[in-house]
Amino acid sequence: MITPAVGMIFLKDNKISETYKNIVKHSWMNAGYKVWYHDAITPDTMHLGVKELKFGNKAQGRNKGNPLSPTEQAIWYSHMMMWEIASRKTNPLIVIEHDVMLLKPIEQSVLAQHPILGLSHCGLLSKHPHKGYRISAGGAYMLTPEIAKKMIDGVPELITYNSDGYIHNWIARYGTFRQEYSTQLYLPEVGVTIDHG
């Protein structure tokens, strides 16, 4: 198996996103991964998405009953864009968000075991180490062209949950979580780019 390329979703000309990108990119490059940068789809550019998505109110979670925020909708489009890219490749692709740092190289044997792998955890839970890793399904994941096509075809007609939940379900069904390989950073002095409504 050829080492997968890494596709990073980031917000061009956004100070927060650019800061995280510049912090984490070296962790992937120093481990031998070729990193490609892909401009995130924003609420202003969603009409240029790869496929029109329809959103309803959230069916679960802390904001149940509220509509997905424009930012959450844009994140769906950004990940769909990455699935489209992955579906056209001959080798698997590792998709990462701009704030995900690689902690250790991912062994080829791990990458070859499943068509989709969850590769990241959320550093925000580090204050509760007894709970273990909090999975960050959309933070970093590897997928094959075949599973990318299935994920595109499987997007519901009415979306009522975040893209993380959708990615999580595919990993749980067809792959496994190896979230010890990378972490989604949160630096209070830098902030975040996501508005969860």
Protein backbone atom coordinates (compact mmCIF):
# COMPACT_ATOMS: atom_id res chain seq x y z
CA MET A 1 0.00 0.00 0.00
CA ILE A 2 1.27 3.47 -0.93
CA THR A 3 1.38 6.00 1.92
CA PRO A 4 -1.87 7.98 1.63
CA ALA A 5 -1.74 11.68 0.90
CA VAL A 6 -3.21 14.03 3.48
CA GLY A 7 -5.91 16.48 2.48
CA MET A 8 -6.26 19.35 4.95
CA ILE A 9 -9.42 21.44 5.11
CA PHE A 10 -8.62 25.01 6.15
CA LEU A 11 -10.05 28.52 5.90
CA LYS A 12 -7.86 30.56 3.61
CA ASP A 13 -7.15 34.08 4.88
CA ASN A 14 -8.64 33.24 8.31
CA LYS A 15 -6.13 34.07 11.05
CA ILE A 16 -7.28 31.30 13.41
CA SER A 17 -7.31 28.61 10.74
CA GLU A 18 -3.98 29.70 9.28
CA THR A 19 -2.40 29.66 12.76
CA TYR A 20 -3.49 26.07 13.44
CA LYS A 21 -2.51 24.98 9.92
CA ASN A 22 1.00 26.35 10.39
CA ILE A 23 1.34 24.62 13.77
CA VAL A 24 0.13 21.15 12.73
CA LYS A 25 1.30 20.77 9.12
CA HIS A 26 4.88 19.94 10.12
CA SER A 27 3.78 16.99 12.27
CA TRP A 28 2.37 15.33 9.12
CA MET A 29 5.12 16.41 6.75
CA ASN A 30 7.90 15.32 9.12
CA ALA A 31 6.32 11.86 9.24
CA GLY A 32 6.57 11.59 5.45
CA TYR A 33 3.05 12.55 4.41
CA LYS A 34 2.43 14.81 1.45
CA VAL A 35 -0.08 17.44 2.59
CA TRP A 36 -2.50 19.08 0.15
CA TYR A 37 -4.47 22.12 1.29
CA HIS A 38 -8.14 22.52 0.38
CA ASP A 39 -10.08 25.71 0.97
CA ALA A 40 -13.00 25.03 3.28
CA ILE A 41 -16.48 25.75 2.05
CA THR A 42 -17.97 28.58 4.09
CA PRO A 43 -21.55 29.78 4.62
CA ASP A 44 -20.88 32.29 1.82
CA THR A 45 -19.75 29.62 -0.66
CA MET A 46 -22.14 26.74 0.13
CA HIS A 47 -24.05 27.35 -3.10
CA LEU A 48 -20.88 26.21 -4.90
CA GLY A 49 -20.91 22.84 -3.10
CA VAL A 50 -20.51 19.48 -4.80
CA LYS A 51 -24.14 18.48 -4.18
CA GLU A 52 -27.04 20.46 -2.77
CA LEU A 53 -27.74 19.40 0.79
CA LYS A 54 -30.95 19.94 2.73
CA PHE A 55 -30.81 20.58 6.46
CA GLY A 56 -33.45 20.17 9.16
CA ASN A 57 -33.42 20.74 12.90
CA LYS A 58 -30.99 18.77 15.03
CA ALA A 59 -32.44 15.43 16.13
CA GLN A 60 -30.02 14.92 19.02
CA GLY A 61 -27.32 16.50 21.18
CA ARG A 62 -27.16 19.58 23.35
CA ASN A 63 -28.84 21.76 20.72
CA LYS A 64 -31.61 19.29 19.84
CA GLY A 65 -34.45 20.98 17.99
CA ASN A 66 -32.32 23.88 16.76
CA PRO A 67 -31.29 24.19 13.12
CA LEU A 68 -27.73 23.37 12.16
CA SER A 69 -25.78 26.62 12.20
CA PRO A 70 -24.53 28.00 8.87
CA THR A 71 -21.00 27.01 9.94
CA GLU A 72 -22.09 23.42 10.69
CA GLN A 73 -23.77 23.24 7.30
CA ALA A 74 -20.61 24.52 5.61
CA ILE A 75 -18.56 21.84 7.39
CA TRP A 76 -20.84 19.22 5.80
CA TYR A 77 -20.05 20.70 2.38
CA SER A 78 -16.31 20.78 3.12
CA HIS A 79 -16.25 17.09 4.04
CA MET A 80 -18.41 16.20 1.02
CA MET A 81 -15.82 17.99 -1.11
CA MET A 82 -13.12 15.78 0.41
CA TRP A 83 -15.17 12.62 -0.21
CA GLU A 84 -15.51 13.67 -3.86
CA ILE A 85 -11.72 14.08 -4.06
CA ALA A 86 -11.14 10.74 -2.31
CA SER A 87 -13.59 8.97 -4.62
CA ARG A 88 -11.49 9.93 -7.67
CA LYS A 89 -8.17 8.71 -6.25
CA THR A 90 -6.60 5.30 -6.74
CA ASN A 91 -5.24 5.20 -3.18
CA PRO A 92 -6.77 6.03 0.20
CA LEU A 93 -6.81 9.62 1.42
CA ILE A 94 -6.36 10.91 4.96
CA VAL A 95 -8.69 13.85 5.56
CA ILE A 96 -7.75 16.24 8.35
CA GLU A 97 -9.13 19.50 9.65
CA HIS A 98 -6.78 22.46 10.06
CA ASP A 99 -6.22 21.89 13.79
CA VAL A 100 -5.25 18.20 13.88
CA MET A 101 -1.71 17.34 14.90
CA LEU A 102 -0.16 13.95 14.19
CA LEU A 103 1.24 12.43 17.38
CA LYS A 104 3.01 9.42 15.87
CA PRO A 105 3.38 7.84 12.41
CA ILE A 106 0.52 5.59 11.35
CA GLU A 107 1.73 2.11 10.52
CA GLN A 108 0.94 0.83 7.03
CA SER A 109 -0.53 -2.33 8.57
CA VAL A 110 -3.09 -0.19 10.43
CA LEU A 111 -4.01 1.78 7.32
CA ALA A 112 -4.46 -1.39 5.27
CA GLN A 113 -6.89 -3.13 7.63
CA HIS A 114 -10.10 -1.19 6.94
CA PRO A 115 -11.68 0.99 4.23
CA ILE A 116 -12.19 3.78 6.78
CA LEU A 117 -10.35 4.64 10.01
CA GLY A 118 -10.96 7.27 12.68
CA LEU A 119 -7.54 8.71 13.52
CA SER A 120 -8.12 11.57 15.95
CA HIS A 121 -9.23 12.52 19.42
CA CYS A 122 -10.23 15.86 20.87
CA GLY A 123 -7.71 17.46 23.18
CA LEU A 124 -10.49 19.36 24.96
CA LEU A 125 -11.16 16.27 27.08
CA SER A 126 -7.60 16.13 28.39
CA LYS A 127 -8.86 17.67 31.64
CA HIS A 128 -10.73 14.37 32.21
CA PRO A 129 -8.01 11.75 31.44
CA HIS A 130 -9.91 9.04 33.34
CA LYS A 131 -12.56 9.17 30.58
CA GLY A 132 -10.00 8.31 27.93
CA TYR A 133 -9.93 9.78 24.45
CA ARG A 134 -12.93 11.68 23.18
CA ILE A 135 -13.28 10.66 19.55
CA SER A 136 -13.09 13.40 16.94
CA ALA A 137 -14.45 11.51 13.93
CA GLY A 138 -14.22 14.40 11.49
CA GLY A 139 -10.89 15.66 12.81
CA ALA A 140 -8.81 13.05 10.97
CA TYR A 141 -9.87 9.93 9.12
CA MET A 142 -8.58 7.72 6.33
CA LEU A 143 -10.94 6.49 3.63
CA THR A 144 -10.67 4.50 0.43
CA PRO A 145 -12.18 5.63 -2.88
CA GLU A 146 -14.84 2.92 -2.59
CA ILE A 147 -16.06 3.97 0.85
CA ALA A 148 -15.95 7.65 -0.18
CA LYS A 149 -18.40 6.89 -3.01
CA LYS A 150 -20.70 5.03 -0.62
CA MET A 151 -20.60 7.90 1.86
CA ILE A 152 -21.63 10.37 -0.86
CA ASP A 153 -24.49 8.12 -1.96
CA GLY A 154 -25.57 7.56 1.65
CA VAL A 155 -26.02 11.20 2.66
CA PRO A 156 -29.62 11.53 3.92
CA GLU A 157 -32.14 13.63 2.03
CA LEU A 158 -32.68 15.70 5.17
CA ILE A 159 -29.62 16.16 7.39
CA THR A 160 -30.41 16.47 11.11
CA TYR A 161 -26.98 15.99 12.71
CA ASN A 162 -23.42 17.23 12.34
CA SER A 163 -21.01 15.77 9.79
CA ASP A 164 -18.97 14.33 12.71
CA GLY A 165 -21.92 12.08 13.56
CA TYR A 166 -22.22 10.88 9.96
CA ILE A 167 -18.48 10.14 9.69
CA HIS A 168 -18.54 8.46 13.12
CA ASN A 169 -21.33 6.10 11.99
CA TRP A 170 -19.39 5.05 8.89
CA ILE A 171 -16.23 4.40 10.90
CA ALA A 172 -18.18 2.38 13.48
CA ARG A 173 -19.88 0.31 10.76
CA TYR A 174 -17.05 -0.30 8.28
CA GLY A 175 -13.80 0.48 10.09
CA THR A 176 -12.38 1.15 13.52
CA PHE A 177 -11.17 4.00 15.70
CA ARG A 178 -7.44 4.43 16.23
CA GLN A 179 -7.70 7.90 17.70
CA GLU A 180 -4.36 7.68 19.50
CA TYR A 181 -2.57 8.79 16.31
CA SER A 182 -3.59 12.44 16.27
CA THR A 183 -5.24 15.11 18.36
CA GLN A 184 -7.47 18.04 17.59
CA LEU A 185 -5.80 21.03 19.20
CA TYR A 186 -7.53 23.75 21.15
CA LEU A 187 -5.36 26.69 22.09
CA PRO A 188 -7.27 29.28 24.15
CA GLU A 189 -5.02 32.07 22.91
CA VAL A 190 -5.87 31.15 19.29
CA GLY A 191 -9.59 30.33 19.66
CA VAL A 192 -11.90 28.33 17.38
CA THR A 193 -13.57 28.82 14.02
CA ILE A 194 -16.73 26.76 14.59
CA ASP A 195 -20.09 28.17 15.66
CA HIS A 196 -22.36 25.38 16.90
CA GLY A 197 -25.39 27.66 17.18
